[in-house]
């Protein structure tokens, strides 16, 4: 089902590559979720609010990119 929707073979990729990409993205976002509130709270912003804003915006962006990744602009 996923192969037919995302056309993995047609795009020259496989499940392993996509899973490694997903894990890499997850680890990068986990790092950002810890770092962003630490940096921005030094300016007086509430750390909890920064954490939740970062988490929500990253979650929405990941879902949108995952669903629209097959759209081509050419």
PDB file of N, CA and C in Angstrom:
ATOM      1  N   UNK A   1       0.824  -1.190   0.000  1.00  0.00           N
ATOM      2  CA  UNK A   1       0.000   0.000   0.000  1.00  0.00           C
ATOM      3  C   UNK A   1       0.871   1.257   0.000  1.00  0.00           C
ATOM      4  N   UNK A   2       1.864   1.317   0.876  1.00  0.00           N
ATOM      5  CA  UNK A   2       2.732   2.498   0.929  1.00  0.00           C
ATOM      6  C   UNK A   2       3.552   2.644  -0.345  1.00  0.00           C
ATOM      7  N   UNK A   3       3.986   1.504  -0.895  1.00  0.00           N
ATOM      8  CA  UNK A   3       4.786   1.563  -2.115  1.00  0.00           C
ATOM      9  C   UNK A   3       3.971   2.129  -3.272  1.00  0.00           C
ATOM     10  N   UNK A   4       2.713   1.759  -3.351  1.00  0.00           N
ATOM     11  CA  UNK A   4       1.885   2.271  -4.451  1.00  0.00           C
ATOM     12  C   UNK A   4       1.553   3.752  -4.250  1.00  0.00           C
ATOM     13  N   UNK A   5       1.379   4.191  -3.000  1.00  0.00           N
ATOM     14  CA  UNK A   5       1.052   5.599  -2.752  1.00  0.00           C
ATOM     15  C   UNK A   5       2.260   6.501  -2.983  1.00  0.00           C
ATOM     16  N   UNK A   6       3.406   6.134  -2.400  1.00  0.00           N
ATOM     17  CA  UNK A   6       4.599   6.975  -2.502  1.00  0.00           C
ATOM     18  C   UNK A   6       5.490   6.619  -3.692  1.00  0.00           C
ATOM     19  N   UNK A   7       5.180   5.530  -4.402  1.00  0.00           N
ATOM     20  CA  UNK A   7       5.944   5.104  -5.581  1.00  0.00           C
ATOM     21  C   UNK A   7       7.437   4.992  -5.254  1.00  0.00           C
ATOM     22  N   UNK A   8       7.740   4.211  -4.226  1.00  0.00           N
ATOM     23  CA  UNK A   8       9.113   4.091  -3.750  1.00  0.00           C
ATOM     24  C   UNK A   8      10.049   3.561  -4.828  1.00  0.00           C
ATOM     25  N   UNK A   9       9.675   2.487  -5.506  1.00  0.00           N
ATOM     26  CA  UNK A   9      10.541   1.914  -6.540  1.00  0.00           C
ATOM     27  C   UNK A   9      10.733   2.884  -7.706  1.00  0.00           C
ATOM     28  N   UNK A  10       9.675   3.577  -8.054  1.00  0.00           N
ATOM     29  CA  UNK A  10       9.744   4.550  -9.155  1.00  0.00           C
ATOM     30  C   UNK A  10      10.694   5.701  -8.830  1.00  0.00           C
ATOM     31  N   UNK A  11      10.768   6.073  -7.546  1.00  0.00           N
ATOM     32  CA  UNK A  11      11.648   7.155  -7.122  1.00  0.00           C
ATOM     33  C   UNK A  11      13.036   6.673  -6.718  1.00  0.00           C
ATOM     34  N   UNK A  12      13.295   5.391  -6.874  1.00  0.00           N
ATOM     35  CA  UNK A  12      14.624   4.849  -6.613  1.00  0.00           C
ATOM     36  C   UNK A  12      14.971   4.744  -5.133  1.00  0.00           C
ATOM     37  N   UNK A  13      14.010   4.418  -4.302  1.00  0.00           N
ATOM     38  CA  UNK A  13      14.260   4.279  -2.873  1.00  0.00           C
ATOM     39  C   UNK A  13      13.597   3.000  -2.377  1.00  0.00           C
ATOM     40  N   UNK A  14      13.803   2.700  -1.102  1.00  0.00           N
ATOM     41  CA  UNK A  14      13.184   1.515  -0.510  1.00  0.00           C
ATOM     42  C   UNK A  14      12.781   1.830   0.929  1.00  0.00           C
ATOM     43  N   UNK A  15      12.181   0.847   1.581  1.00  0.00           N
ATOM     44  CA  UNK A  15      11.700   1.059   2.947  1.00  0.00           C
ATOM     45  C   UNK A  15      12.841   1.376   3.907  1.00  0.00           C
ATOM     46  N   UNK A  16      13.971   0.693   3.759  1.00  0.00           N
ATOM     47  CA  UNK A  16      15.113   0.899   4.666  1.00  0.00           C
ATOM     48  C   UNK A  16      15.596   2.351   4.609  1.00  0.00           C
ATOM     49  N   UNK A  17      15.754   2.880   3.419  1.00  0.00           N
ATOM     50  CA  UNK A  17      16.208   4.262   3.256  1.00  0.00           C
ATOM     51  C   UNK A  17      15.229   5.237   3.883  1.00  0.00           C
ATOM     52  N   UNK A  18      13.956   5.002   3.672  1.00  0.00           N
ATOM     53  CA  UNK A  18      12.935   5.899   4.214  1.00  0.00           C
ATOM     54  C   UNK A  18      12.862   5.813   5.734  1.00  0.00           C
ATOM     55  N   UNK A  19      13.040   4.623   6.295  1.00  0.00           N
ATOM     56  CA  UNK A  19      13.029   4.469   7.752  1.00  0.00           C
ATOM     57  C   UNK A  19      14.237   5.156   8.365  1.00  0.00           C
ATOM     58  N   UNK A  20      15.408   5.023   7.753  1.00  0.00           N
ATOM     59  CA  UNK A  20      16.602   5.711   8.247  1.00  0.00           C
ATOM     60  C   UNK A  20      16.409   7.224   8.180  1.00  0.00           C
ATOM     61  N   UNK A  21      15.793   7.703   7.111  1.00  0.00           N
ATOM     62  CA  UNK A  21      15.488   9.131   6.995  1.00  0.00           C
ATOM     63  C   UNK A  21      14.533   9.593   8.084  1.00  0.00           C
ATOM     64  N   UNK A  22      13.544   8.772   8.391  1.00  0.00           N
ATOM     65  CA  UNK A  22      12.595   9.103   9.447  1.00  0.00           C
ATOM     66  C   UNK A  22      13.250   9.141  10.821  1.00  0.00           C
ATOM     67  N   UNK A  23      14.124   8.184  11.086  1.00  0.00           N
ATOM     68  CA  UNK A  23      14.841   8.162  12.368  1.00  0.00           C
ATOM     69  C   UNK A  23      15.749   9.378  12.492  1.00  0.00           C
ATOM     70  N   UNK A  24      16.420   9.732  11.407  1.00  0.00           N
ATOM     71  CA  UNK A  24      17.284  10.913  11.412  1.00  0.00           C
ATOM     72  C   UNK A  24      16.485  12.177  11.705  1.00  0.00           C
ATOM     73  N   UNK A  25      15.333  12.303  11.071  1.00  0.00           N
ATOM     74  CA  UNK A  25      14.464  13.458  11.318  1.00  0.00           C
ATOM     75  C   UNK A  25      13.992  13.485  12.764  1.00  0.00           C
ATOM     76  N   UNK A  26      13.615  12.329  13.289  1.00  0.00           N
ATOM     77  CA  UNK A  26      13.170  12.252  14.675  1.00  0.00           C
ATOM     78  C   UNK A  26      14.272  12.692  15.635  1.00  0.00           C
ATOM     79  N   UNK A  27      15.489  12.203  15.435  1.00  0.00           N
ATOM     80  CA  UNK A  27      16.596  12.571  16.320  1.00  0.00           C
ATOM     81  C   UNK A  27      16.926  14.062  16.228  1.00  0.00           C
ATOM     82  N   UNK A  28      16.857  14.621  15.025  1.00  0.00           N
ATOM     83  CA  UNK A  28      17.101  16.057  14.868  1.00  0.00           C
ATOM     84  C   UNK A  28      16.039  16.866  15.599  1.00  0.00           C
ATOM     85  N   UNK A  29      14.779  16.445  15.500  1.00  0.00           N
ATOM     86  CA  UNK A  29      13.708  17.182  16.179  1.00  0.00           C
ATOM     87  C   UNK A  29      13.790  17.014  17.693  1.00  0.00           C
ATOM     88  N   UNK A  30      14.214  15.845  18.154  1.00  0.00           N
ATOM     89  CA  UNK A  30      14.390  15.651  19.594  1.00  0.00           C
ATOM     90  C   UNK A  30      15.457  16.603  20.125  1.00  0.00           C
ATOM     91  N   UNK A  31      16.513  16.788  19.359  1.00  0.00           N
ATOM     92  CA  UNK A  31      17.575  17.725  19.733  1.00  0.00           C
ATOM     93  C   UNK A  31      17.045  19.160  19.751  1.00  0.00           C
ATOM     94  N   UNK A  32      16.289  19.533  18.733  1.00  0.00           N
ATOM     95  CA  UNK A  32      15.738  20.884  18.646  1.00  0.00           C
ATOM     96  C   UNK A  32      14.756  21.149  19.784  1.00  0.00           C
ATOM     97  N   UNK A  33      13.960  20.135  20.153  1.00  0.00           N
ATOM     98  CA  UNK A  33      12.993  20.314  21.242  1.00  0.00           C
ATOM     99  C   UNK A  33      13.687  20.611  22.564  1.00  0.00           C
ATOM    100  N   UNK A  34      14.885  20.116  22.746  1.00  0.00           N
ATOM    101  CA  UNK A  34      15.634  20.428  23.959  1.00  0.00           C
ATOM    102  C   UNK A  34      16.397  21.735  23.860  1.00  0.00           C
ATOM    103  N   UNK A  35      16.922  22.014  22.688  1.00  0.00           N
ATOM    104  CA  UNK A  35      17.785  23.182  22.508  1.00  0.00           C
ATOM    105  C   UNK A  35      17.003  24.485  22.367  1.00  0.00           C
ATOM    106  N   UNK A  36      15.946  24.475  21.595  1.00  0.00           N
ATOM    107  CA  UNK A  36      15.195  25.696  21.308  1.00  0.00           C
ATOM    108  C   UNK A  36      14.677  26.392  22.567  1.00  0.00           C
ATOM    109  N   UNK A  37      14.011  25.689  23.484  1.00  0.00           N
ATOM    110  CA  UNK A  37      13.555  26.366  24.705  1.00  0.00           C
ATOM    111  C   UNK A  37      14.701  26.891  25.561  1.00  0.00           C
ATOM    112  N   UNK A  38      15.804  26.163  25.589  1.00  0.00           N
ATOM    113  CA  UNK A  38      16.963  26.604  26.370  1.00  0.00           C
ATOM    114  C   UNK A  38      17.502  27.927  25.836  1.00  0.00           C
ATOM    115  N   UNK A  39      17.635  28.020  24.524  1.00  0.00           N
ATOM    116  CA  UNK A  39      18.172  29.242  23.924  1.00  0.00           C
ATOM    117  C   UNK A  39      17.202  30.411  24.050  1.00  0.00           C
ATOM    118  N   UNK A  40      15.938  30.193  23.724  1.00  0.00           N
ATOM    119  CA  UNK A  40      14.987  31.293  23.694  1.00  0.00           C
ATOM    120  C   UNK A  40      14.503  31.716  25.077  1.00  0.00           C
ATOM    121  N   UNK A  41      14.582  30.828  26.060  1.00  0.00           N
ATOM    122  CA  UNK A  41      14.164  31.222  27.409  1.00  0.00           C
ATOM    123  C   UNK A  41      15.145  32.212  28.021  1.00  0.00           C
ATOM    124  N   UNK A  42      16.361  32.282  27.484  1.00  0.00           N
ATOM    125  CA  UNK A  42      17.334  33.276  27.951  1.00  0.00           C
ATOM    126  C   UNK A  42      16.887  34.697  27.606  1.00  0.00           C
ATOM    127  N   UNK A  43      15.965  34.834  26.660  1.00  0.00           N
ATOM    128  CA  UNK A  43      15.458  36.155  26.285  1.00  0.00           C
ATOM    129  C   UNK A  43      14.241  36.554  27.117  1.00  0.00           C
ATOM    130  N   UNK A  44      13.801  35.666  28.000  1.00  0.00           N
ATOM    131  CA  UNK A  44      12.663  35.978  28.846  1.00  0.00           C
ATOM    132  C   UNK A  44      11.380  35.279  28.437  1.00  0.00           C
ATOM    133  N   UNK A  45      11.409  34.539  27.356  1.00  0.00           N
ATOM    134  CA  UNK A  45      10.225  33.798  26.911  1.00  0.00           C
ATOM    135  C   UNK A  45      10.030  32.578  27.810  1.00  0.00           C
ATOM    136  N   UNK A  46       8.790  32.160  28.012  1.00  0.00           N
ATOM    137  CA  UNK A  46       8.552  30.971  28.847  1.00  0.00           C
ATOM    138  C   UNK A  46       9.002  29.696  28.127  1.00  0.00           C
ATOM    139  N   UNK A  47       9.830  28.897  28.778  1.00  0.00           N
ATOM    140  CA  UNK A  47      10.390  27.697  28.166  1.00  0.00           C
ATOM    141  C   UNK A  47       9.312  26.685  27.790  1.00  0.00           C
ATOM    142  N   UNK A  48       8.299  26.534  28.634  1.00  0.00           N
ATOM    143  CA  UNK A  48       7.234  25.563  28.334  1.00  0.00           C
ATOM    144  C   UNK A  48       6.467  25.956  27.068  1.00  0.00           C
ATOM    145  N   UNK A  49       6.191  27.229  26.923  1.00  0.00           N
ATOM    146  CA  UNK A  49       5.492  27.703  25.729  1.00  0.00           C
ATOM    147  C   UNK A  49       6.312  27.501  24.473  1.00  0.00           C
ATOM    148  N   UNK A  50       7.602  27.748  24.572  1.00  0.00           N
ATOM    149  CA  UNK A  50       8.495  27.548  23.424  1.00  0.00           C
ATOM    150  C   UNK A  50       8.546  26.072  23.050  1.00  0.00           C
ATOM    151  N   UNK A  51       8.634  25.217  24.064  1.00  0.00           N
ATOM    152  CA  UNK A  51       8.676  23.772  23.820  1.00  0.00           C
ATOM    153  C   UNK A  51       7.424  23.323  23.077  1.00  0.00           C
ATOM    154  N   UNK A  52       6.255  23.711  23.569  1.00  0.00           N
ATOM    155  CA  UNK A  52       5.009  23.278  22.932  1.00  0.00           C
ATOM    156  C   UNK A  52       4.835  23.888  21.549  1.00  0.00           C
ATOM    157  N   UNK A  53       5.207  25.134  21.369  1.00  0.00           N
ATOM    158  CA  UNK A  53       5.106  25.751  20.039  1.00  0.00           C
ATOM    159  C   UNK A  53       6.021  25.052  19.042  1.00  0.00           C
ATOM    160  N   UNK A  54       7.225  24.717  19.483  1.00  0.00           N
ATOM    161  CA  UNK A  54       8.162  23.999  18.614  1.00  0.00           C
ATOM    162  C   UNK A  54       7.624  22.616  18.272  1.00  0.00           C
ATOM    163  N   UNK A  55       7.113  21.912  19.285  1.00  0.00           N
ATOM    164  CA  UNK A  55       6.601  20.560  19.063  1.00  0.00           C
ATOM    165  C   UNK A  55       5.399  20.557  18.124  1.00  0.00           C
ATOM    166  N   UNK A  56       4.481  21.473  18.332  1.00  0.00           N
ATOM    167  CA  UNK A  56       3.273  21.521  17.499  1.00  0.00           C
ATOM    168  C   UNK A  56       3.621  21.902  16.061  1.00  0.00           C
ATOM    169  N   UNK A  57       4.465  22.918  15.893  1.00  0.00           N
ATOM    170  CA  UNK A  57       4.815  23.338  14.530  1.00  0.00           C
ATOM    171  C   UNK A  57       5.608  22.253  13.807  1.00  0.00           C
ATOM    172  N   UNK A  58       6.502  21.575  14.501  1.00  0.00           N
ATOM    173  CA  UNK A  58       7.269  20.496  13.876  1.00  0.00           C
ATOM    174  C   UNK A  58       6.360  19.325  13.517  1.00  0.00           C
ATOM    175  N   UNK A  59       5.427  19.000  14.392  1.00  0.00           N
ATOM    176  CA  UNK A  59       4.501  17.906  14.109  1.00  0.00           C
ATOM    177  C   UNK A  59       3.633  18.188  12.903  1.00  0.00           C
ATOM    178  N   UNK A  60       3.098  19.368  12.826  1.00  0.00           N
ATOM    179  CA  UNK A  60       2.263  19.748  11.680  1.00  0.00           C
ATOM    180  C   UNK A  60       3.083  19.740  10.397  1.00  0.00           C
ATOM    181  N   UNK A  61       4.279  20.305  10.446  1.00  0.00           N
ATOM    182  CA  UNK A  61       5.132  20.351   9.251  1.00  0.00           C
ATOM    183  C   UNK A  61       5.507  18.946   8.781  1.00  0.00           C
ATOM    184  N   UNK A  62       5.814  18.053   9.706  1.00  0.00           N
ATOM    185  CA  UNK A  62       6.173  16.680   9.329  1.00  0.00           C
ATOM    186  C   UNK A  62       4.992  15.950   8.697  1.00  0.00           C
ATOM    187  N   UNK A  63       3.816  16.120   9.260  1.00  0.00           N
ATOM    188  CA  UNK A  63       2.630  15.462   8.702  1.00  0.00           C
ATOM    189  C   UNK A  63       2.325  15.992   7.307  1.00  0.00           C
ATOM    190  N   UNK A  64       2.367  17.298   7.138  1.00  0.00           N
ATOM    191  CA  UNK A  64       2.093  17.897   5.823  1.00  0.00           C
ATOM    192  C   UNK A  64       3.119  17.441   4.795  1.00  0.00           C
ATOM    193  N   UNK A  65       4.388  17.470   5.157  1.00  0.00           N
ATOM    194  CA  UNK A  65       5.424  17.048   4.213  1.00  0.00           C
ATOM    195  C   UNK A  65       5.307  15.564   3.887  1.00  0.00           C
ATOM    196  N   UNK A  66       4.946  14.759   4.869  1.00  0.00           N
ATOM    197  CA  UNK A  66       4.766  13.336   4.616  1.00  0.00           C
ATOM    198  C   UNK A  66       3.620  13.051   3.655  1.00  0.00           C
ATOM    199  N   UNK A  67       2.545  13.788   3.792  1.00  0.00           N
ATOM    200  CA  UNK A  67       1.390  13.568   2.923  1.00  0.00           C
ATOM    201  C   UNK A  67       1.571  14.166   1.537  1.00  0.00           C
ATOM    202  N   UNK A  68       2.306  15.243   1.438  1.00  0.00           N
ATOM    203  CA  UNK A  68       2.461  15.922   0.148  1.00  0.00           C
ATOM    204  C   UNK A  68       3.783  15.638  -0.548  1.00  0.00           C
ATOM    205  N   UNK A  69       4.535  14.690  -0.039  1.00  0.00           N
ATOM    206  CA  UNK A  69       5.878  14.463  -0.569  1.00  0.00           C
ATOM    207  C   UNK A  69       5.877  13.944  -2.004  1.00  0.00           C
ATOM    208  N   UNK A  70       4.770  13.460  -2.485  1.00  0.00           N
ATOM    209  CA  UNK A  70       4.716  12.910  -3.825  1.00  0.00           C
ATOM    210  C   UNK A  70       4.379  13.964  -4.882  1.00  0.00           C
ATOM    211  N   UNK A  71       4.049  15.167  -4.456  1.00  0.00           N
ATOM    212  CA  UNK A  71       3.673  16.212  -5.407  1.00  0.00           C
ATOM    213  C   UNK A  71       4.930  16.762  -6.081  1.00  0.00           C
ATOM    214  N   UNK A  72       4.906  16.840  -7.390  1.00  0.00           N
ATOM    215  CA  UNK A  72       6.014  17.349  -8.179  1.00  0.00           C
ATOM    216  C   UNK A  72       5.638  18.718  -8.754  1.00  0.00           C
ATOM    217  N   UNK A  73       6.612  19.613  -8.807  1.00  0.00           N
ATOM    218  CA  UNK A  73       6.359  20.952  -9.336  1.00  0.00           C
ATOM    219  C   UNK A  73       6.756  21.094 -10.794  1.00  0.00           C
ATOM    220  N   UNK A  74       7.285  20.032 -11.403  1.00  0.00           N
ATOM    221  CA  UNK A  74       7.717  20.147 -12.806  1.00  0.00           C
ATOM    222  C   UNK A  74       6.651  19.798 -13.781  1.00  0.00           C
TER     223      UNK A  74
END
